[in-house]
Amino acid sequence: MADRPALRLGALIRYTDGSPKPSARFTKKLAAWERSNGVGRLVKKEPPRVYPTWTAPASFTLHEGNFSSDGVILVTIMRSHSVDSRLIFEVAEEPKPGQVRVLLDFGGNTELLHLAESITAAELWITREGYRNARLEIVGVEDGDRADGMVAALPKRHRDVPRLWCSEPQNGEDGI
């Protein structure tokens, strides 16, 4: 994982310790294997942190799933890994161009809150979940890369995503 610095938030990451999956009848061995083998969506990357007596290595956090009841999320499973972990990590799936990342910046880091299929879906998610400080980033538009003219097809109010997000029309300059 350390050799993939361009890895983007929202990618599905598969990790393994390389051991074969035990039979379901060995419940304790299976539970231990599941802790070292799984898949999750990359939601946060953190640089190394220097402390007075030691340096914490860079790390990343994977969202592995939610437990819910009646449509209400009760528990979110997040697992953080150090880049010097002995586990083997591979990209199972990259976010598709045109998808929209809903991001929250805090403490010098950016965290992926949601990966939506469209701007409209992202706006609805933000409204439903109540994240006022969230910003949007279109997959394929990172670092000034204008993937396949995608930005030109957006209304003007959305073209500065991720630097600026305006949820209200700007003086009729929607381009619609």
C-alpha atoms as a PDB file:
ATOM      1  CA  MET A   1       0.000   0.000   0.000  1.00  0.00           C
ATOM      2  CA  ALA A   2       2.901   2.339   0.706  1.00  0.00           C
ATOM      3  CA  ASP A   3       3.916   2.111  -2.956  1.00  0.00           C
ATOM      4  CA  ARG A   4       0.516   3.486  -4.092  1.00  0.00           C
ATOM      5  CA  PRO A   5       0.620   7.156  -3.041  1.00  0.00           C
ATOM      6  CA  ALA A   6      -1.952   8.158  -5.671  1.00  0.00           C
ATOM      7  CA  LEU A   7      -4.626   5.885  -4.194  1.00  0.00           C
ATOM      8  CA  ARG A   8      -7.887   7.844  -4.023  1.00  0.00           C
ATOM      9  CA  LEU A   9     -10.473   8.001  -1.296  1.00  0.00           C
ATOM     10  CA  GLY A  10     -13.401   5.765  -2.140  1.00  0.00           C
ATOM     11  CA  ALA A  11     -11.374   2.857  -3.519  1.00  0.00           C
ATOM     12  CA  LEU A  12     -12.347  -0.618  -2.319  1.00  0.00           C
ATOM     13  CA  ILE A  13      -9.304  -2.206  -0.701  1.00  0.00           C
ATOM     14  CA  ARG A  14      -8.957  -5.931  -0.141  1.00  0.00           C
ATOM     15  CA  TYR A  15      -6.536  -7.079   2.542  1.00  0.00           C
ATOM     16  CA  THR A  16      -5.233 -10.471   3.525  1.00  0.00           C
ATOM     17  CA  ASP A  17      -2.620 -12.156   5.667  1.00  0.00           C
ATOM     18  CA  GLY A  18      -2.153 -14.774   2.953  1.00  0.00           C
ATOM     19  CA  SER A  19      -3.479 -17.693   4.978  1.00  0.00           C
ATOM     20  CA  PRO A  20      -6.203 -19.991   3.611  1.00  0.00           C
ATOM     21  CA  LYS A  21      -9.734 -19.566   4.929  1.00  0.00           C
ATOM     22  CA  PRO A  22     -10.499 -22.202   7.587  1.00  0.00           C
ATOM     23  CA  SER A  23     -13.606 -24.354   7.511  1.00  0.00           C
ATOM     24  CA  ALA A  24     -16.769 -22.820   9.034  1.00  0.00           C
ATOM     25  CA  ARG A  25     -16.819 -25.540  11.717  1.00  0.00           C
ATOM     26  CA  PHE A  26     -13.675 -23.998  13.250  1.00  0.00           C
ATOM     27  CA  THR A  27     -15.459 -20.887  14.532  1.00  0.00           C
ATOM     28  CA  LYS A  28     -12.558 -19.401  16.525  1.00  0.00           C
ATOM     29  CA  LYS A  29     -10.055 -19.912  13.703  1.00  0.00           C
ATOM     30  CA  LEU A  30     -12.549 -18.463  11.224  1.00  0.00           C
ATOM     31  CA  ALA A  31     -13.144 -15.392  13.415  1.00  0.00           C
ATOM     32  CA  ALA A  32      -9.377 -14.829  13.694  1.00  0.00           C
ATOM     33  CA  TRP A  33      -8.984 -15.233   9.924  1.00  0.00           C
ATOM     34  CA  GLU A  34     -11.787 -12.706   9.269  1.00  0.00           C
ATOM     35  CA  ARG A  35      -9.951 -10.095  11.386  1.00  0.00           C
ATOM     36  CA  SER A  36      -6.954 -10.331   9.038  1.00  0.00           C
ATOM     37  CA  ASN A  37      -8.787 -10.808   5.735  1.00  0.00           C
ATOM     38  CA  GLY A  38     -11.472  -8.533   4.395  1.00  0.00           C
ATOM     39  CA  VAL A  39     -12.443  -5.599   2.239  1.00  0.00           C
ATOM     40  CA  GLY A  40     -13.281  -1.980   2.983  1.00  0.00           C
ATOM     41  CA  ARG A  41     -13.678   1.393   1.342  1.00  0.00           C
ATOM     42  CA  LEU A  42     -10.763   3.797   1.828  1.00  0.00           C
ATOM     43  CA  VAL A  43     -12.186   6.715   3.822  1.00  0.00           C
ATOM     44  CA  LYS A  44      -9.130   8.385   5.339  1.00  0.00           C
ATOM     45  CA  LYS A  45      -5.366   8.634   4.841  1.00  0.00           C
ATOM     46  CA  GLU A  46      -3.119  10.079   7.539  1.00  0.00           C
ATOM     47  CA  PRO A  47       0.538  11.093   7.220  1.00  0.00           C
ATOM     48  CA  PRO A  48       3.170  10.030   9.770  1.00  0.00           C
ATOM     49  CA  ARG A  49       2.865  11.842  13.098  1.00  0.00           C
ATOM     50  CA  VAL A  50       5.928  12.889  15.037  1.00  0.00           C
ATOM     51  CA  TYR A  51       5.747  12.739  18.824  1.00  0.00           C
ATOM     52  CA  PRO A  52       8.500  13.695  21.293  1.00  0.00           C
ATOM     53  CA  THR A  53       9.557  10.080  21.899  1.00  0.00           C
ATOM     54  CA  TRP A  54       8.483   8.281  18.721  1.00  0.00           C
ATOM     55  CA  THR A  55       7.003   8.671  15.246  1.00  0.00           C
ATOM     56  CA  ALA A  56       3.695   7.050  14.323  1.00  0.00           C
ATOM     57  CA  PRO A  57       3.811   5.706  10.766  1.00  0.00           C
ATOM     58  CA  ALA A  58       1.368   6.830   8.102  1.00  0.00           C
ATOM     59  CA  SER A  59      -1.977   5.065   8.284  1.00  0.00           C
ATOM     60  CA  PHE A  60      -5.272   4.711   6.495  1.00  0.00           C
ATOM     61  CA  THR A  61      -8.812   3.841   7.526  1.00  0.00           C
ATOM     62  CA  LEU A  62     -11.188   1.457   5.793  1.00  0.00           C
ATOM     63  CA  HIS A  63     -14.968   1.504   6.227  1.00  0.00           C
ATOM     64  CA  GLU A  64     -15.910  -2.158   6.418  1.00  0.00           C
ATOM     65  CA  GLY A  65     -19.646  -1.895   6.945  1.00  0.00           C
ATOM     66  CA  ASN A  66     -22.579  -0.859   9.092  1.00  0.00           C
ATOM     67  CA  PHE A  67     -24.997  -2.653  11.384  1.00  0.00           C
ATOM     68  CA  SER A  68     -28.457  -1.144  11.226  1.00  0.00           C
ATOM     69  CA  SER A  69     -32.004  -1.708  12.400  1.00  0.00           C
ATOM     70  CA  ASP A  70     -35.105  -0.321  10.705  1.00  0.00           C
ATOM     71  CA  GLY A  71     -32.972   1.840   8.420  1.00  0.00           C
ATOM     72  CA  VAL A  72     -31.023   3.429  11.299  1.00  0.00           C
ATOM     73  CA  ILE A  73     -27.267   2.801  11.427  1.00  0.00           C
ATOM     74  CA  LEU A  74     -26.403   1.627  14.934  1.00  0.00           C
ATOM     75  CA  VAL A  75     -22.737   0.687  14.526  1.00  0.00           C
ATOM     76  CA  THR A  76     -20.186   1.620  11.870  1.00  0.00           C
ATOM     77  CA  ILE A  77     -17.198  -0.684  11.436  1.00  0.00           C
ATOM     78  CA  MET A  78     -13.989   1.222  10.624  1.00  0.00           C
ATOM     79  CA  ARG A  79     -10.565  -0.358  10.732  1.00  0.00           C
ATOM     80  CA  SER A  80      -7.307   1.606  10.652  1.00  0.00           C
ATOM     81  CA  HIS A  81      -4.090   0.076   9.338  1.00  0.00           C
ATOM     82  CA  SER A  82      -0.521   1.259   9.467  1.00  0.00           C
ATOM     83  CA  VAL A  83       1.325   1.425   6.149  1.00  0.00           C
ATOM     84  CA  ASP A  84       3.967  -0.854   7.647  1.00  0.00           C
ATOM     85  CA  SER A  85       1.386  -3.554   8.402  1.00  0.00           C
ATOM     86  CA  ARG A  86       2.297  -7.136   7.500  1.00  0.00           C
ATOM     87  CA  LEU A  87      -1.027  -7.534   5.712  1.00  0.00           C
ATOM     88  CA  ILE A  88      -1.178  -7.562   1.914  1.00  0.00           C
ATOM     89  CA  PHE A  89      -3.380  -4.822   0.434  1.00  0.00           C
ATOM     90  CA  GLU A  90      -4.738  -4.605  -3.107  1.00  0.00           C
ATOM     91  CA  VAL A  91      -7.189  -2.355  -4.875  1.00  0.00           C
ATOM     92  CA  ALA A  92     -10.359  -4.316  -5.579  1.00  0.00           C
ATOM     93  CA  GLU A  93     -12.176  -1.425  -7.268  1.00  0.00           C
ATOM     94  CA  GLU A  94     -11.456   2.234  -8.009  1.00  0.00           C
ATOM     95  CA  PRO A  95     -14.257   4.808  -7.794  1.00  0.00           C
ATOM     96  CA  LYS A  96     -15.841   5.299 -11.219  1.00  0.00           C
ATOM     97  CA  PRO A  97     -15.376   8.606 -13.066  1.00  0.00           C
ATOM     98  CA  GLY A  98     -18.416  10.788 -12.488  1.00  0.00           C
ATOM     99  CA  GLN A  99     -19.144   9.471  -9.013  1.00  0.00           C
ATOM    100  CA  VAL A 100     -19.119  12.157  -6.329  1.00  0.00           C
ATOM    101  CA  ARG A 101     -17.191  12.004  -3.077  1.00  0.00           C
ATOM    102  CA  VAL A 102     -18.783  13.709  -0.074  1.00  0.00           C
ATOM    103  CA  LEU A 103     -15.807  14.837   2.016  1.00  0.00           C
ATOM    104  CA  LEU A 104     -15.313  16.426   5.418  1.00  0.00           C
ATOM    105  CA  ASP A 105     -12.102  18.251   6.334  1.00  0.00           C
ATOM    106  CA  PHE A 106     -11.060  18.306   9.983  1.00  0.00           C
ATOM    107  CA  GLY A 107      -7.839  18.246  11.964  1.00  0.00           C
ATOM    108  CA  GLY A 108      -5.740  18.630   8.819  1.00  0.00           C
ATOM    109  CA  ASN A 109      -7.203  15.455   7.275  1.00  0.00           C
ATOM    110  CA  THR A 110      -9.976  14.727   4.835  1.00  0.00           C
ATOM    111  CA  GLU A 111     -12.470  11.928   5.434  1.00  0.00           C
ATOM    112  CA  LEU A 112     -14.808  10.352   2.914  1.00  0.00           C
ATOM    113  CA  LEU A 113     -18.333  10.404   4.300  1.00  0.00           C
ATOM    114  CA  HIS A 114     -20.176   9.011   1.285  1.00  0.00           C
ATOM    115  CA  LEU A 115     -19.582   8.023  -2.334  1.00  0.00           C
ATOM    116  CA  ALA A 116     -22.589   9.032  -4.455  1.00  0.00           C
ATOM    117  CA  GLU A 117     -23.471   8.158  -8.039  1.00  0.00           C
ATOM    118  CA  SER A 118     -24.215  11.790  -8.999  1.00  0.00           C
ATOM    119  CA  ILE A 119     -24.204  15.409  -7.799  1.00  0.00           C
ATOM    120  CA  THR A 120     -27.942  15.164  -7.147  1.00  0.00           C
ATOM    121  CA  ALA A 121     -27.533  12.011  -5.049  1.00  0.00           C
ATOM    122  CA  ALA A 122     -24.685  13.666  -3.099  1.00  0.00           C
ATOM    123  CA  GLU A 123     -26.795  16.774  -2.422  1.00  0.00           C
ATOM    124  CA  LEU A 124     -29.684  14.610  -1.211  1.00  0.00           C
ATOM    125  CA  TRP A 125     -27.360  12.624   1.058  1.00  0.00           C
ATOM    126  CA  ILE A 126     -25.910  15.816   2.585  1.00  0.00           C
ATOM    127  CA  THR A 127     -29.407  17.207   3.153  1.00  0.00           C
ATOM    128  CA  ARG A 128     -30.628  13.957   4.735  1.00  0.00           C
ATOM    129  CA  GLU A 129     -27.560  13.455   6.949  1.00  0.00           C
ATOM    130  CA  GLY A 130     -27.043  17.115   7.905  1.00  0.00           C
ATOM    131  CA  TYR A 131     -23.343  17.643   7.158  1.00  0.00           C
ATOM    132  CA  ARG A 132     -23.203  21.430   6.652  1.00  0.00           C
ATOM    133  CA  ASN A 133     -19.414  21.608   6.217  1.00  0.00           C
ATOM    134  CA  ALA A 134     -19.145  18.764   3.716  1.00  0.00           C
ATOM    135  CA  ARG A 135     -17.707  19.437   0.288  1.00  0.00           C
ATOM    136  CA  LEU A 136     -18.059  17.549  -2.957  1.00  0.00           C
ATOM    137  CA  GLU A 137     -15.403  16.206  -5.285  1.00  0.00           C
ATOM    138  CA  ILE A 138     -16.173  14.564  -8.596  1.00  0.00           C
ATOM    139  CA  VAL A 139     -14.161  11.413  -9.286  1.00  0.00           C
ATOM    140  CA  GLY A 140     -11.944  12.031 -12.296  1.00  0.00           C
ATOM    141  CA  VAL A 141     -11.611  15.776 -11.639  1.00  0.00           C
ATOM    142  CA  GLU A 142      -8.823  15.588  -9.038  1.00  0.00           C
ATOM    143  CA  ASP A 143      -5.732  17.732  -9.366  1.00  0.00           C
ATOM    144  CA  GLY A 144      -7.109  19.708 -12.292  1.00  0.00           C
ATOM    145  CA  ASP A 145      -7.622  16.587 -14.409  1.00  0.00           C
ATOM    146  CA  ARG A 146     -10.684  17.326 -16.544  1.00  0.00           C
ATOM    147  CA  ALA A 147     -11.679  13.744 -17.313  1.00  0.00           C
ATOM    148  CA  ASP A 148     -13.438  13.494 -20.674  1.00  0.00           C
ATOM    149  CA  GLY A 149     -14.898  16.995 -20.548  1.00  0.00           C
ATOM    150  CA  MET A 150     -16.978  16.022 -17.547  1.00  0.00           C
ATOM    151  CA  VAL A 151     -16.605  19.412 -15.873  1.00  0.00           C
ATOM    152  CA  ALA A 152     -17.686  21.292 -18.998  1.00  0.00           C
ATOM    153  CA  ALA A 153     -20.952  19.354 -18.937  1.00  0.00           C
ATOM    154  CA  LEU A 154     -21.754  20.505 -15.403  1.00  0.00           C
ATOM    155  CA  PRO A 155     -23.781  23.619 -14.596  1.00  0.00           C
ATOM    156  CA  LYS A 156     -21.447  26.552 -13.838  1.00  0.00           C
ATOM    157  CA  ARG A 157     -22.251  26.446 -10.119  1.00  0.00           C
ATOM    158  CA  HIS A 158     -20.705  22.951  -9.907  1.00  0.00           C
ATOM    159  CA  ARG A 159     -17.587  23.513 -11.992  1.00  0.00           C
ATOM    160  CA  ASP A 160     -15.324  24.552  -9.118  1.00  0.00           C
ATOM    161  CA  VAL A 161     -15.901  21.377  -7.162  1.00  0.00           C
ATOM    162  CA  PRO A 162     -13.776  20.498  -5.112  1.00  0.00           C
ATOM    163  CA  ARG A 163     -12.447  23.990  -4.305  1.00  0.00           C
ATOM    164  CA  LEU A 164     -15.829  25.646  -3.891  1.00  0.00           C
ATOM    165  CA  TRP A 165     -19.274  24.257  -3.487  1.00  0.00           C
ATOM    166  CA  CYS A 166     -22.384  26.353  -3.991  1.00  0.00           C
ATOM    167  CA  SER A 167     -25.717  24.670  -3.365  1.00  0.00           C
ATOM    168  CA  GLU A 168     -27.720  27.731  -4.449  1.00  0.00           C
ATOM    169  CA  PRO A 169     -27.833  29.184  -7.978  1.00  0.00           C
ATOM    170  CA  GLN A 170     -25.469  32.117  -8.403  1.00  0.00           C
ATOM    171  CA  ASN A 171     -27.293  35.101  -9.964  1.00  0.00           C
ATOM    172  CA  GLY A 172     -28.805  33.001 -12.740  1.00  0.00           C
ATOM    173  CA  GLU A 173     -25.369  31.833 -13.936  1.00  0.00           C
ATOM    174  CA  ASP A 174     -26.322  28.167 -13.878  1.00  0.00           C
ATOM    175  CA  GLY A 175     -25.611  27.677 -17.533  1.00  0.00           C
ATOM    176  CA  ILE A 176     -28.928  25.839 -17.811  1.00  0.00           C
END
